[in-house]
Amino acid sequence: MNKITLSTEAYDEFKAFLDENEVEGYNIRINLAGFGCSGPVFNISVDEPKENDVVEKINDITFFAETSLIDEFGGFIILSSEENEGRGLSLKPVIEPEGGCGTCGGCH
């Protein structure tokens, strides 16, 4: 079972983004950046896989994340701008936490 998924459209858009930003090697880490009102916030960075990572190669791009992050969130889906209702590329967890993170009163 794939832990990182994206459509052909999302792949093409993401690869074009990497090329536009002159990213070489296409080694992309998915990180937990913290928590906001609506729950966890994720980001990506250029890195190299580590021993405790789950690694998925999709065409030319190698994605990886810590095993604990994959276990907690079930993996990740990258959405194209079109799949994200015109709001740009998006990264979301397979298992979305219920009710946000609870750190503020604005979600209730």
N, C-alpha and C. Protein backbone atom coordinates (compact mmCIF):
# COMPACT_ATOMS: atom_id res chain seq x y z
N MET A 1 0.84 -1.20 0.00
CA MET A 1 0.00 0.00 0.00
C MET A 1 0.88 1.25 0.00
N ASN A 2 0.59 2.16 -0.89
CA ASN A 2 1.36 3.40 -0.98
C ASN A 2 1.05 4.30 0.20
N LYS A 3 2.07 4.89 0.75
CA LYS A 3 1.91 5.82 1.88
C LYS A 3 1.91 7.26 1.41
N ILE A 4 2.40 7.51 0.21
CA ILE A 4 2.38 8.84 -0.40
C ILE A 4 1.67 8.67 -1.74
N THR A 5 0.59 9.40 -1.94
CA THR A 5 -0.13 9.26 -3.20
C THR A 5 -0.37 10.63 -3.83
N LEU A 6 -0.42 10.62 -5.16
CA LEU A 6 -0.77 11.82 -5.91
C LEU A 6 -1.18 11.41 -7.30
N SER A 7 -2.07 12.17 -7.87
CA SER A 7 -2.54 11.91 -9.23
C SER A 7 -1.46 12.29 -10.22
N THR A 8 -1.64 11.88 -11.46
CA THR A 8 -0.71 12.27 -12.53
C THR A 8 -0.66 13.79 -12.65
N GLU A 9 -1.82 14.43 -12.56
CA GLU A 9 -1.88 15.90 -12.63
C GLU A 9 -1.10 16.55 -11.49
N ALA A 10 -1.27 16.02 -10.27
CA ALA A 10 -0.55 16.56 -9.11
C ALA A 10 0.95 16.32 -9.25
N TYR A 11 1.33 15.14 -9.75
CA TYR A 11 2.74 14.84 -9.97
C TYR A 11 3.35 15.83 -10.95
N ASP A 12 2.69 16.04 -12.08
CA ASP A 12 3.21 16.96 -13.09
C ASP A 12 3.35 18.37 -12.55
N GLU A 13 2.36 18.83 -11.80
CA GLU A 13 2.40 20.17 -11.23
C GLU A 13 3.50 20.29 -10.18
N PHE A 14 3.63 19.26 -9.33
CA PHE A 14 4.65 19.28 -8.28
C PHE A 14 6.05 19.24 -8.89
N LYS A 15 6.25 18.38 -9.90
CA LYS A 15 7.56 18.29 -10.54
C LYS A 15 7.91 19.62 -11.23
N ALA A 16 6.93 20.25 -11.87
CA ALA A 16 7.17 21.56 -12.49
C ALA A 16 7.56 22.59 -11.43
N PHE A 17 6.93 22.53 -10.25
CA PHE A 17 7.28 23.42 -9.15
C PHE A 17 8.73 23.19 -8.72
N LEU A 18 9.13 21.92 -8.59
CA LEU A 18 10.51 21.61 -8.21
C LEU A 18 11.49 22.10 -9.27
N ASP A 19 11.17 21.88 -10.54
CA ASP A 19 12.05 22.33 -11.62
C ASP A 19 12.16 23.86 -11.65
N GLU A 20 11.04 24.53 -11.46
CA GLU A 20 11.02 26.00 -11.45
C GLU A 20 11.90 26.55 -10.34
N ASN A 21 11.98 25.82 -9.23
CA ASN A 21 12.79 26.25 -8.09
C ASN A 21 14.17 25.61 -8.08
N GLU A 22 14.54 25.00 -9.22
CA GLU A 22 15.86 24.42 -9.44
C GLU A 22 16.26 23.41 -8.37
N VAL A 23 15.29 22.59 -7.95
CA VAL A 23 15.55 21.52 -6.99
C VAL A 23 16.18 20.36 -7.75
N GLU A 24 17.33 19.92 -7.29
CA GLU A 24 18.02 18.80 -7.92
C GLU A 24 17.84 17.55 -7.08
N GLY A 25 17.80 16.41 -7.71
CA GLY A 25 17.73 15.15 -6.99
C GLY A 25 16.33 14.69 -6.64
N TYR A 26 15.40 15.61 -6.55
CA TYR A 26 14.00 15.28 -6.27
C TYR A 26 13.82 14.42 -5.02
N ASN A 27 14.57 14.70 -3.96
CA ASN A 27 14.41 14.01 -2.67
C ASN A 27 13.65 14.93 -1.73
N ILE A 28 12.40 14.54 -1.43
CA ILE A 28 11.48 15.42 -0.71
C ILE A 28 11.04 14.80 0.60
N ARG A 29 11.32 15.51 1.70
CA ARG A 29 10.90 15.08 3.04
C ARG A 29 9.58 15.75 3.39
N ILE A 30 8.66 14.97 3.96
CA ILE A 30 7.42 15.49 4.50
C ILE A 30 7.60 15.59 6.01
N ASN A 31 7.35 16.80 6.54
CA ASN A 31 7.56 17.09 7.96
C ASN A 31 6.27 17.55 8.62
N LEU A 32 6.19 17.35 9.92
CA LEU A 32 5.15 17.97 10.73
C LEU A 32 5.71 19.32 11.17
N ALA A 33 5.06 20.41 10.74
CA ALA A 33 5.57 21.75 11.05
C ALA A 33 5.00 22.28 12.37
N GLY A 34 3.94 21.67 12.86
CA GLY A 34 3.32 22.13 14.10
C GLY A 34 1.82 21.95 14.02
N PHE A 35 1.12 22.65 14.91
CA PHE A 35 -0.34 22.55 14.96
C PHE A 35 -0.94 23.94 14.92
N GLY A 36 -2.01 24.07 14.17
CA GLY A 36 -2.77 25.31 14.10
C GLY A 36 -4.18 25.05 14.56
N CYS A 37 -5.03 26.04 14.41
CA CYS A 37 -6.42 25.90 14.83
C CYS A 37 -7.13 24.74 14.17
N SER A 38 -6.79 24.45 12.92
CA SER A 38 -7.50 23.38 12.21
C SER A 38 -6.78 22.05 12.29
N GLY A 39 -5.74 21.96 13.09
CA GLY A 39 -5.03 20.69 13.26
C GLY A 39 -3.58 20.76 12.83
N PRO A 40 -3.01 19.61 12.45
CA PRO A 40 -1.59 19.57 12.11
C PRO A 40 -1.29 20.33 10.81
N VAL A 41 -0.10 20.90 10.77
CA VAL A 41 0.38 21.62 9.60
C VAL A 41 1.63 20.88 9.11
N PHE A 42 1.67 20.57 7.83
CA PHE A 42 2.79 19.84 7.25
C PHE A 42 3.53 20.71 6.25
N ASN A 43 4.81 20.42 6.09
CA ASN A 43 5.59 21.09 5.06
C ASN A 43 6.51 20.09 4.39
N ILE A 44 7.17 20.54 3.36
CA ILE A 44 8.13 19.70 2.66
C ILE A 44 9.48 20.40 2.65
N SER A 45 10.52 19.60 2.54
CA SER A 45 11.86 20.15 2.42
C SER A 45 12.69 19.20 1.56
N VAL A 46 13.76 19.73 1.02
CA VAL A 46 14.71 18.92 0.26
C VAL A 46 15.66 18.32 1.28
N ASP A 47 15.84 17.01 1.23
CA ASP A 47 16.64 16.32 2.25
C ASP A 47 17.08 14.98 1.68
N GLU A 48 17.67 14.17 2.51
CA GLU A 48 18.03 12.80 2.17
C GLU A 48 17.32 11.87 3.15
N PRO A 49 16.93 10.68 2.69
CA PRO A 49 16.26 9.73 3.59
C PRO A 49 17.16 9.33 4.74
N LYS A 50 16.53 9.07 5.89
CA LYS A 50 17.23 8.62 7.08
C LYS A 50 16.78 7.18 7.39
N GLU A 51 17.44 6.57 8.34
CA GLU A 51 17.20 5.17 8.68
C GLU A 51 15.75 4.89 9.09
N ASN A 52 15.10 5.80 9.82
CA ASN A 52 13.75 5.58 10.33
C ASN A 52 12.66 6.08 9.39
N ASP A 53 12.97 6.31 8.14
CA ASP A 53 12.00 6.87 7.20
C ASP A 53 11.27 5.80 6.39
N VAL A 54 10.04 6.11 6.04
CA VAL A 54 9.32 5.37 5.01
C VAL A 54 9.64 6.10 3.71
N VAL A 55 10.07 5.38 2.70
CA VAL A 55 10.50 5.97 1.44
C VAL A 55 9.60 5.46 0.31
N GLU A 56 9.09 6.38 -0.49
CA GLU A 56 8.27 6.04 -1.65
C GLU A 56 8.81 6.80 -2.86
N LYS A 57 9.15 6.07 -3.90
CA LYS A 57 9.59 6.71 -5.14
C LYS A 57 8.42 6.70 -6.12
N ILE A 58 8.06 7.87 -6.58
CA ILE A 58 6.99 8.01 -7.56
C ILE A 58 7.60 8.69 -8.78
N ASN A 59 7.76 7.89 -9.83
CA ASN A 59 8.44 8.35 -11.05
C ASN A 59 9.81 8.90 -10.69
N ASP A 60 10.07 10.19 -10.90
CA ASP A 60 11.39 10.77 -10.62
C ASP A 60 11.54 11.31 -9.21
N ILE A 61 10.46 11.39 -8.45
CA ILE A 61 10.49 12.04 -7.14
C ILE A 61 10.49 10.99 -6.04
N THR A 62 11.43 11.14 -5.09
CA THR A 62 11.48 10.27 -3.92
C THR A 62 10.94 11.05 -2.73
N PHE A 63 9.84 10.56 -2.17
CA PHE A 63 9.23 11.16 -1.00
C PHE A 63 9.59 10.32 0.22
N PHE A 64 9.75 10.97 1.36
CA PHE A 64 9.99 10.21 2.58
C PHE A 64 9.52 11.01 3.78
N ALA A 65 9.22 10.26 4.84
CA ALA A 65 8.77 10.84 6.10
C ALA A 65 9.13 9.86 7.21
N GLU A 66 9.24 10.38 8.43
CA GLU A 66 9.52 9.50 9.56
C GLU A 66 8.42 8.47 9.70
N THR A 67 8.79 7.26 10.05
CA THR A 67 7.83 6.17 10.22
C THR A 67 6.73 6.56 11.20
N SER A 68 7.07 7.24 12.29
CA SER A 68 6.07 7.63 13.29
C SER A 68 5.02 8.58 12.70
N LEU A 69 5.43 9.44 11.79
CA LEU A 69 4.51 10.37 11.13
C LEU A 69 3.55 9.60 10.21
N ILE A 70 4.09 8.64 9.48
CA ILE A 70 3.26 7.80 8.61
C ILE A 70 2.28 6.99 9.44
N ASP A 71 2.76 6.42 10.55
CA ASP A 71 1.89 5.61 11.42
C ASP A 71 0.77 6.46 12.00
N GLU A 72 1.08 7.67 12.44
CA GLU A 72 0.08 8.53 13.07
C GLU A 72 -0.97 9.04 12.08
N PHE A 73 -0.54 9.40 10.88
CA PHE A 73 -1.45 10.04 9.92
C PHE A 73 -1.81 9.15 8.73
N GLY A 74 -1.33 7.91 8.70
CA GLY A 74 -1.72 6.96 7.66
C GLY A 74 -1.13 7.21 6.30
N GLY A 75 -0.24 8.16 6.18
CA GLY A 75 0.34 8.53 4.90
C GLY A 75 -0.15 9.90 4.47
N PHE A 76 0.18 10.26 3.22
CA PHE A 76 -0.13 11.61 2.75
C PHE A 76 -0.60 11.60 1.31
N ILE A 77 -1.42 12.58 1.00
CA ILE A 77 -1.95 12.78 -0.34
C ILE A 77 -1.54 14.18 -0.79
N ILE A 78 -0.99 14.27 -1.98
CA ILE A 78 -0.67 15.57 -2.57
C ILE A 78 -1.72 15.86 -3.62
N LEU A 79 -2.37 17.00 -3.48
CA LEU A 79 -3.43 17.41 -4.41
C LEU A 79 -2.92 18.48 -5.36
N SER A 80 -3.33 18.40 -6.61
CA SER A 80 -3.01 19.45 -7.58
C SER A 80 -3.86 20.68 -7.27
N SER A 81 -3.54 21.79 -7.92
CA SER A 81 -4.34 23.01 -7.74
C SER A 81 -5.80 22.76 -8.08
N GLU A 82 -6.04 22.04 -9.17
CA GLU A 82 -7.42 21.77 -9.59
C GLU A 82 -8.13 20.88 -8.56
N GLU A 83 -7.44 19.87 -8.07
CA GLU A 83 -8.03 18.97 -7.06
C GLU A 83 -8.26 19.70 -5.73
N ASN A 84 -7.53 20.80 -5.52
CA ASN A 84 -7.63 21.59 -4.31
C ASN A 84 -8.48 22.85 -4.54
N GLU A 85 -9.43 22.75 -5.47
CA GLU A 85 -10.38 23.83 -5.76
C GLU A 85 -9.70 25.15 -6.11
N GLY A 86 -8.58 25.05 -6.85
CA GLY A 86 -7.89 26.25 -7.33
C GLY A 86 -7.02 26.95 -6.30
N ARG A 87 -6.78 26.31 -5.16
CA ARG A 87 -6.00 26.95 -4.09
C ARG A 87 -4.53 26.53 -4.07
N GLY A 88 -4.04 25.98 -5.16
CA GLY A 88 -2.64 25.59 -5.23
C GLY A 88 -2.41 24.17 -4.76
N LEU A 89 -1.18 23.72 -4.91
CA LEU A 89 -0.81 22.38 -4.44
C LEU A 89 -1.08 22.27 -2.95
N SER A 90 -1.46 21.08 -2.52
CA SER A 90 -1.79 20.87 -1.12
C SER A 90 -1.30 19.50 -0.67
N LEU A 91 -0.88 19.43 0.58
CA LEU A 91 -0.44 18.19 1.20
C LEU A 91 -1.36 17.93 2.38
N LYS A 92 -2.01 16.75 2.39
CA LYS A 92 -2.91 16.46 3.50
C LYS A 92 -2.69 15.04 3.98
N PRO A 93 -2.97 14.78 5.25
CA PRO A 93 -2.82 13.43 5.78
C PRO A 93 -3.98 12.55 5.34
N VAL A 94 -3.73 11.25 5.25
CA VAL A 94 -4.79 10.29 4.95
C VAL A 94 -5.77 10.25 6.12
N ILE A 95 -5.25 10.20 7.35
CA ILE A 95 -6.08 10.20 8.56
C ILE A 95 -6.09 11.62 9.10
N GLU A 96 -7.21 12.30 8.93
CA GLU A 96 -7.32 13.68 9.41
C GLU A 96 -7.83 13.67 10.85
N PRO A 97 -7.15 14.38 11.76
CA PRO A 97 -7.61 14.45 13.14
C PRO A 97 -9.00 15.06 13.21
N GLU A 98 -9.81 14.57 14.13
CA GLU A 98 -11.15 15.12 14.29
C GLU A 98 -11.12 16.36 15.16
N GLY A 99 -11.87 17.38 14.75
CA GLY A 99 -12.07 18.57 15.57
C GLY A 99 -10.88 19.48 15.75
N GLY A 100 -9.91 19.45 14.87
CA GLY A 100 -8.76 20.33 15.00
C GLY A 100 -7.89 19.93 16.16
N CYS A 101 -7.04 20.84 16.59
CA CYS A 101 -6.09 20.49 17.63
C CYS A 101 -6.56 20.89 19.02
N GLY A 102 -7.52 21.78 19.08
CA GLY A 102 -8.04 22.18 20.39
C GLY A 102 -7.21 23.21 21.11
N THR A 103 -6.27 23.88 20.40
CA THR A 103 -5.42 24.85 21.09
C THR A 103 -6.03 26.24 21.15
N CYS A 104 -7.17 26.43 20.47
CA CYS A 104 -7.82 27.73 20.55
C CYS A 104 -9.34 27.52 20.57
N GLY A 105 -10.07 28.52 20.85
CA GLY A 105 -11.52 28.39 20.90
C GLY A 105 -12.18 28.65 19.56
N GLY A 106 -11.43 29.02 18.54
CA GLY A 106 -12.01 29.41 17.25
C GLY A 106 -12.59 28.28 16.43
N CYS A 107 -12.24 27.03 16.71
CA CYS A 107 -12.70 25.91 15.90
C CYS A 107 -14.07 25.39 16.33
N HIS A 108 -14.52 25.76 17.48
CA HIS A 108 -15.71 25.13 18.05
C HIS A 108 -16.97 25.84 17.66
